[in-house]
C-alpha atoms as a PDB file:
ATOM      1  CA  UNK A   1    -292.369  64.450 -16.619  1.00  0.00           C
ATOM      2  CA  UNK A   2    -294.953  61.932 -17.891  1.00  0.00           C
ATOM      3  CA  UNK A   3    -298.502  62.813 -18.322  1.00  0.00           C
ATOM      4  CA  UNK A   4    -299.401  60.618 -15.314  1.00  0.00           C
ATOM      5  CA  UNK A   5    -296.869  62.240 -12.824  1.00  0.00           C
ATOM      6  CA  UNK A   6    -297.913  65.642 -14.073  1.00  0.00           C
ATOM      7  CA  UNK A   7    -301.626  64.898 -13.309  1.00  0.00           C
ATOM      8  CA  UNK A   8    -300.680  63.489  -9.891  1.00  0.00           C
ATOM      9  CA  UNK A   9    -298.661  66.583  -9.146  1.00  0.00           C
ATOM     10  CA  UNK A  10    -301.553  68.912 -10.381  1.00  0.00           C
ATOM     11  CA  UNK A  11    -304.207  66.959  -8.172  1.00  0.00           C
ATOM     12  CA  UNK A  12    -301.788  67.365  -5.076  1.00  0.00           C
ATOM     13  CA  UNK A  13    -301.212  71.043  -5.754  1.00  0.00           C
ATOM     14  CA  UNK A  14    -304.999  71.508  -6.232  1.00  0.00           C
ATOM     15  CA  UNK A  15    -305.791  69.645  -2.925  1.00  0.00           C
ATOM     16  CA  UNK A  16    -303.202  71.886  -1.007  1.00  0.00           C
ATOM     17  CA  UNK A  17    -304.681  75.058  -2.587  1.00  0.00           C
ATOM     18  CA  UNK A  18    -308.248  74.033  -1.712  1.00  0.00           C
ATOM     19  CA  UNK A  19    -307.139  72.941   1.835  1.00  0.00           C
ATOM     20  CA  UNK A  20    -305.491  76.242   2.308  1.00  0.00           C
ATOM     21  CA  UNK A  21    -308.331  78.424   1.090  1.00  0.00           C
ATOM     22  CA  UNK A  22    -311.199  76.478   2.950  1.00  0.00           C
ATOM     23  CA  UNK A  23    -311.498  76.946   6.697  1.00  0.00           C
ATOM     24  CA  UNK A  24    -311.925  73.589   8.481  1.00  0.00           C
ATOM     25  CA  UNK A  25    -310.232  71.694   5.465  1.00  0.00           C
ATOM     26  CA  UNK A  26    -306.659  72.617   5.573  1.00  0.00           C
ATOM     27  CA  UNK A  27    -306.045  73.586   9.206  1.00  0.00           C
ATOM     28  CA  UNK A  28    -307.801  76.108  11.641  1.00  0.00           C
ATOM     29  CA  UNK A  29    -311.422  76.055  11.666  1.00  0.00           C
ATOM     30  CA  UNK A  30    -312.968  79.458  11.241  1.00  0.00           C
ATOM     31  CA  UNK A  31    -313.598  81.475  14.272  1.00  0.00           C
ATOM     32  CA  UNK A  32    -315.280  84.603  14.698  1.00  0.00           C
ATOM     33  CA  UNK A  33    -312.526  86.954  16.104  1.00  0.00           C
ATOM     34  CA  UNK A  34    -314.956  89.267  17.337  1.00  0.00           C
ATOM     35  CA  UNK A  35    -316.597  87.065  19.739  1.00  0.00           C
ATOM     36  CA  UNK A  36    -314.000  85.723  22.149  1.00  0.00           C
ATOM     37  CA  UNK A  37    -316.793  84.544  24.459  1.00  0.00           C
ATOM     38  CA  UNK A  38    -317.683  81.704  22.052  1.00  0.00           C
ATOM     39  CA  UNK A  39    -314.588  79.986  23.021  1.00  0.00           C
ATOM     40  CA  UNK A  40    -315.825  79.681  26.628  1.00  0.00           C
ATOM     41  CA  UNK A  41    -318.177  76.884  25.844  1.00  0.00           C
ATOM     42  CA  UNK A  42    -315.225  74.534  24.727  1.00  0.00           C
ATOM     43  CA  UNK A  43    -313.010  75.544  27.579  1.00  0.00           C
ATOM     44  CA  UNK A  44    -314.834  75.057  30.756  1.00  0.00           C
ATOM     45  CA  UNK A  45    -313.774  75.751  34.251  1.00  0.00           C
ATOM     46  CA  UNK A  46    -310.168  76.869  34.701  1.00  0.00           C
ATOM     47  CA  UNK A  47    -307.897  74.290  36.365  1.00  0.00           C
ATOM     48  CA  UNK A  48    -306.095  75.102  39.554  1.00  0.00           C
ATOM     49  CA  UNK A  49    -302.475  75.697  39.853  1.00  0.00           C
ATOM     50  CA  UNK A  50    -300.916  72.418  40.625  1.00  0.00           C
ATOM     51  CA  UNK A  51    -297.525  70.863  41.122  1.00  0.00           C
ATOM     52  CA  UNK A  52    -295.925  74.393  41.534  1.00  0.00           C
ATOM     53  CA  UNK A  53    -292.167  74.207  43.012  1.00  0.00           C
ATOM     54  CA  UNK A  54    -292.132  78.030  43.773  1.00  0.00           C
ATOM     55  CA  UNK A  55    -294.207  81.229  43.937  1.00  0.00           C
ATOM     56  CA  UNK A  56    -292.583  84.498  43.197  1.00  0.00           C
ATOM     57  CA  UNK A  57    -294.201  87.897  44.082  1.00  0.00           C
ATOM     58  CA  UNK A  58    -297.059  86.241  45.945  1.00  0.00           C
ATOM     59  CA  UNK A  59    -297.989  83.543  48.400  1.00  0.00           C
ATOM     60  CA  UNK A  60    -299.346  80.507  46.625  1.00  0.00           C
ATOM     61  CA  UNK A  61    -302.547  81.153  44.720  1.00  0.00           C
ATOM     62  CA  UNK A  62    -305.787  78.860  44.257  1.00  0.00           C
ATOM     63  CA  UNK A  63    -307.822  79.459  41.222  1.00  0.00           C
ATOM     64  CA  UNK A  64    -310.945  78.784  43.432  1.00  0.00           C
ATOM     65  CA  UNK A  65    -309.861  81.708  45.657  1.00  0.00           C
ATOM     66  CA  UNK A  66    -309.723  84.073  42.549  1.00  0.00           C
ATOM     67  CA  UNK A  67    -313.421  83.804  41.915  1.00  0.00           C
ATOM     68  CA  UNK A  68    -314.777  87.383  41.599  1.00  0.00           C
ATOM     69  CA  UNK A  69    -311.492  88.358  39.788  1.00  0.00           C
ATOM     70  CA  UNK A  70    -310.674  88.508  36.152  1.00  0.00           C
ATOM     71  CA  UNK A  71    -307.579  86.279  35.791  1.00  0.00           C
ATOM     72  CA  UNK A  72    -304.924  86.211  33.154  1.00  0.00           C
ATOM     73  CA  UNK A  73    -302.979  83.141  33.150  1.00  0.00           C
ATOM     74  CA  UNK A  74    -299.786  83.533  30.963  1.00  0.00           C
ATOM     75  CA  UNK A  75    -297.641  80.539  30.108  1.00  0.00           C
ATOM     76  CA  UNK A  76    -294.171  81.430  29.443  1.00  0.00           C
ATOM     77  CA  UNK A  77    -290.616  80.611  29.899  1.00  0.00           C
ATOM     78  CA  UNK A  78    -287.769  83.163  30.080  1.00  0.00           C
ATOM     79  CA  UNK A  79    -285.556  81.271  27.279  1.00  0.00           C
ATOM     80  CA  UNK A  80    -288.415  81.732  24.670  1.00  0.00           C
ATOM     81  CA  UNK A  81    -288.030  84.827  22.419  1.00  0.00           C
ATOM     82  CA  UNK A  82    -291.642  84.853  21.624  1.00  0.00           C
ATOM     83  CA  UNK A  83    -292.442  84.811  25.254  1.00  0.00           C
ATOM     84  CA  UNK A  84    -290.127  87.643  26.047  1.00  0.00           C
ATOM     85  CA  UNK A  85    -291.760  89.626  23.245  1.00  0.00           C
ATOM     86  CA  UNK A  86    -295.197  89.281  24.890  1.00  0.00           C
ATOM     87  CA  UNK A  87    -294.029  90.318  28.508  1.00  0.00           C
ATOM     88  CA  UNK A  88    -294.265  93.963  27.862  1.00  0.00           C
ATOM     89  CA  UNK A  89    -297.876  93.605  26.832  1.00  0.00           C
ATOM     90  CA  UNK A  90    -298.672  91.432  29.750  1.00  0.00           C
ATOM     91  CA  UNK A  91    -296.717  93.897  32.341  1.00  0.00           C
ATOM     92  CA  UNK A  92    -298.774  96.765  30.674  1.00  0.00           C
ATOM     93  CA  UNK A  93    -302.275  94.825  31.007  1.00  0.00           C
ATOM     94  CA  UNK A  94    -301.132  94.245  34.849  1.00  0.00           C
ATOM     95  CA  UNK A  95    -300.488  97.884  35.449  1.00  0.00           C
ATOM     96  CA  UNK A  96    -303.554  99.105  33.585  1.00  0.00           C
ATOM     97  CA  UNK A  97    -306.025  96.834  35.371  1.00  0.00           C
ATOM     98  CA  UNK A  98    -304.655  95.419  38.578  1.00  0.00           C
ATOM     99  CA  UNK A  99    -306.599  97.943  40.712  1.00  0.00           C
ATOM    100  CA  UNK A 100    -309.744  97.267  38.768  1.00  0.00           C
ATOM    101  CA  UNK A 101    -309.872  93.634  39.798  1.00  0.00           C
ATOM    102  CA  UNK A 102    -307.379  91.919  37.214  1.00  0.00           C
ATOM    103  CA  UNK A 103    -305.069  89.236  38.515  1.00  0.00           C
ATOM    104  CA  UNK A 104    -302.143  88.222  36.263  1.00  0.00           C
ATOM    105  CA  UNK A 105    -300.469  84.882  37.141  1.00  0.00           C
ATOM    106  CA  UNK A 106    -297.475  84.034  34.926  1.00  0.00           C
ATOM    107  CA  UNK A 107    -296.824  80.371  34.866  1.00  0.00           C
ATOM    108  CA  UNK A 108    -293.389  79.767  34.229  1.00  0.00           C
ATOM    109  CA  UNK A 109    -293.106  76.434  32.571  1.00  0.00           C
ATOM    110  CA  UNK A 110    -289.371  75.443  31.366  1.00  0.00           C
ATOM    111  CA  UNK A 111    -288.638  73.901  27.940  1.00  0.00           C
ATOM    112  CA  UNK A 112    -284.915  73.462  28.846  1.00  0.00           C
ATOM    113  CA  UNK A 113    -283.038  72.208  31.916  1.00  0.00           C
ATOM    114  CA  UNK A 114    -281.337  75.532  32.601  1.00  0.00           C
ATOM    115  CA  UNK A 115    -284.814  77.028  32.865  1.00  0.00           C
ATOM    116  CA  UNK A 116    -285.669  74.915  36.041  1.00  0.00           C
ATOM    117  CA  UNK A 117    -283.466  77.077  38.169  1.00  0.00           C
ATOM    118  CA  UNK A 118    -285.538  79.255  40.579  1.00  0.00           C
ATOM    119  CA  UNK A 119    -282.758  81.758  40.766  1.00  0.00           C
ATOM    120  CA  UNK A 120    -282.762  82.198  36.887  1.00  0.00           C
ATOM    121  CA  UNK A 121    -286.358  82.550  36.877  1.00  0.00           C
ATOM    122  CA  UNK A 122    -286.256  85.373  39.637  1.00  0.00           C
ATOM    123  CA  UNK A 123    -283.510  87.052  37.625  1.00  0.00           C
ATOM    124  CA  UNK A 124    -285.563  86.951  34.652  1.00  0.00           C
ATOM    125  CA  UNK A 125    -288.553  88.584  36.713  1.00  0.00           C
ATOM    126  CA  UNK A 126    -286.142  91.230  37.649  1.00  0.00           C
ATOM    127  CA  UNK A 127    -284.784  91.635  34.213  1.00  0.00           C
ATOM    128  CA  UNK A 128    -288.296  92.158  32.760  1.00  0.00           C
ATOM    129  CA  UNK A 129    -289.916  94.012  35.692  1.00  0.00           C
ATOM    130  CA  UNK A 130    -292.478  91.531  36.383  1.00  0.00           C
ATOM    131  CA  UNK A 131    -294.390  92.276  39.705  1.00  0.00           C
ATOM    132  CA  UNK A 132    -297.343  90.048  39.288  1.00  0.00           C
ATOM    133  CA  UNK A 133    -297.486  86.422  40.735  1.00  0.00           C
ATOM    134  CA  UNK A 134    -295.545  83.847  38.813  1.00  0.00           C
ATOM    135  CA  UNK A 135    -295.642  80.154  39.498  1.00  0.00           C
ATOM    136  CA  UNK A 136    -292.748  77.850  38.715  1.00  0.00           C
ATOM    137  CA  UNK A 137    -294.132  74.801  37.016  1.00  0.00           C
ATOM    138  CA  UNK A 138    -291.152  72.762  36.547  1.00  0.00           C
ATOM    139  CA  UNK A 139    -292.933  69.474  36.064  1.00  0.00           C
ATOM    140  CA  UNK A 140    -295.570  70.898  33.822  1.00  0.00           C
ATOM    141  CA  UNK A 141    -298.361  69.832  35.998  1.00  0.00           C
ATOM    142  CA  UNK A 142    -300.363  73.258  35.617  1.00  0.00           C
ATOM    143  CA  UNK A 143    -299.409  73.058  31.943  1.00  0.00           C
ATOM    144  CA  UNK A 144    -300.833  69.604  31.528  1.00  0.00           C
ATOM    145  CA  UNK A 145    -303.955  70.650  33.659  1.00  0.00           C
ATOM    146  CA  UNK A 146    -304.668  73.454  31.059  1.00  0.00           C
ATOM    147  CA  UNK A 147    -304.022  71.024  28.258  1.00  0.00           C
ATOM    148  CA  UNK A 148    -301.659  73.868  26.948  1.00  0.00           C
ATOM    149  CA  UNK A 149    -299.286  73.076  24.190  1.00  0.00           C
ATOM    150  CA  UNK A 150    -297.354  76.260  23.233  1.00  0.00           C
ATOM    151  CA  UNK A 151    -295.252  78.970  24.742  1.00  0.00           C
ATOM    152  CA  UNK A 152    -296.306  81.631  25.087  1.00  0.00           C
ATOM    153  CA  UNK A 153    -300.164  81.064  25.651  1.00  0.00           C
ATOM    154  CA  UNK A 154    -302.931  83.174  27.378  1.00  0.00           C
ATOM    155  CA  UNK A 155    -305.905  82.342  29.051  1.00  0.00           C
ATOM    156  CA  UNK A 156    -308.578  84.643  30.399  1.00  0.00           C
ATOM    157  CA  UNK A 157    -310.627  83.310  33.272  1.00  0.00           C
ATOM    158  CA  UNK A 158    -313.989  85.267  34.010  1.00  0.00           C
ATOM    159  CA  UNK A 159    -315.166  86.166  37.474  1.00  0.00           C
ATOM    160  CA  UNK A 160    -317.060  82.748  37.655  1.00  0.00           C
ATOM    161  CA  UNK A 161    -313.695  80.883  37.035  1.00  0.00           C
ATOM    162  CA  UNK A 162    -314.585  79.965  33.372  1.00  0.00           C
ATOM    163  CA  UNK A 163    -311.924  80.257  30.713  1.00  0.00           C
ATOM    164  CA  UNK A 164    -313.467  82.722  28.216  1.00  0.00           C
ATOM    165  CA  UNK A 165    -310.565  83.378  25.975  1.00  0.00           C
ATOM    166  CA  UNK A 166    -307.372  81.575  24.747  1.00  0.00           C
ATOM    167  CA  UNK A 167    -304.543  82.500  22.570  1.00  0.00           C
ATOM    168  CA  UNK A 168    -301.193  80.864  21.430  1.00  0.00           C
ATOM    169  CA  UNK A 169    -298.182  82.861  20.491  1.00  0.00           C
ATOM    170  CA  UNK A 170    -297.683  86.545  20.001  1.00  0.00           C
ATOM    171  CA  UNK A 171    -300.065  89.086  18.989  1.00  0.00           C
ATOM    172  CA  UNK A 172    -303.971  89.645  19.562  1.00  0.00           C
ATOM    173  CA  UNK A 173    -302.904  92.207  22.124  1.00  0.00           C
ATOM    174  CA  UNK A 174    -305.844  94.595  21.529  1.00  0.00           C
ATOM    175  CA  UNK A 175    -308.332  91.730  21.720  1.00  0.00           C
ATOM    176  CA  UNK A 176    -306.886  90.616  25.140  1.00  0.00           C
ATOM    177  CA  UNK A 177    -307.080  94.128  26.235  1.00  0.00           C
ATOM    178  CA  UNK A 178    -310.750  94.380  25.259  1.00  0.00           C
ATOM    179  CA  UNK A 179    -311.631  91.093  26.666  1.00  0.00           C
ATOM    180  CA  UNK A 180    -310.296  91.929  29.947  1.00  0.00           C
ATOM    181  CA  UNK A 181    -311.795  95.502  29.860  1.00  0.00           C
ATOM    182  CA  UNK A 182    -315.276  94.013  29.071  1.00  0.00           C
ATOM    183  CA  UNK A 183    -315.012  91.560  31.899  1.00  0.00           C
ATOM    184  CA  UNK A 184    -314.061  94.048  34.208  1.00  0.00           C
ATOM    185  CA  UNK A 185    -316.840  96.401  33.232  1.00  0.00           C
ATOM    186  CA  UNK A 186    -319.350  93.737  33.550  1.00  0.00           C
ATOM    187  CA  UNK A 187    -318.537  93.343  37.224  1.00  0.00           C
ATOM    188  CA  UNK A 188    -318.632  96.981  38.195  1.00  0.00           C
END
């Protein structure tokens, strides 16, 4: 290795290390994880459920008709392992808070062609014990309206229809629970 290539490699390594250690340089900007409501200013009003081919466990829902309720919108698909891992937490939140004003809406947006089948979605609902409303978003219209990019993803909508919390992937279950509890307490 020449001195020039060694210096170049060291420079690249240093930039990578600086980027990884500095929020906002190498990836995700720093967020205050104790203040989920700070996200609300960026998110705005929750979009409506659009382009839904089927509704399970409910008549069709409209986000405007859910004003006054706290809504957890959960984007998932039954073929996604990470989504399946979150389902026990989402169903537990529904059981815990449904009588206090929480509405959970699963938005099943398929990644693969076999996940587009309504009977397959219905079998997955039964298999996972999902009793809350689920919208089948086969053409990703609701997914696109939320500008969603990941499976799973959770959005919490407050009583005025604003998205106040958003999380992609698994985890942050306690924070999601605390946010829902805080919103429900504010309305009682």
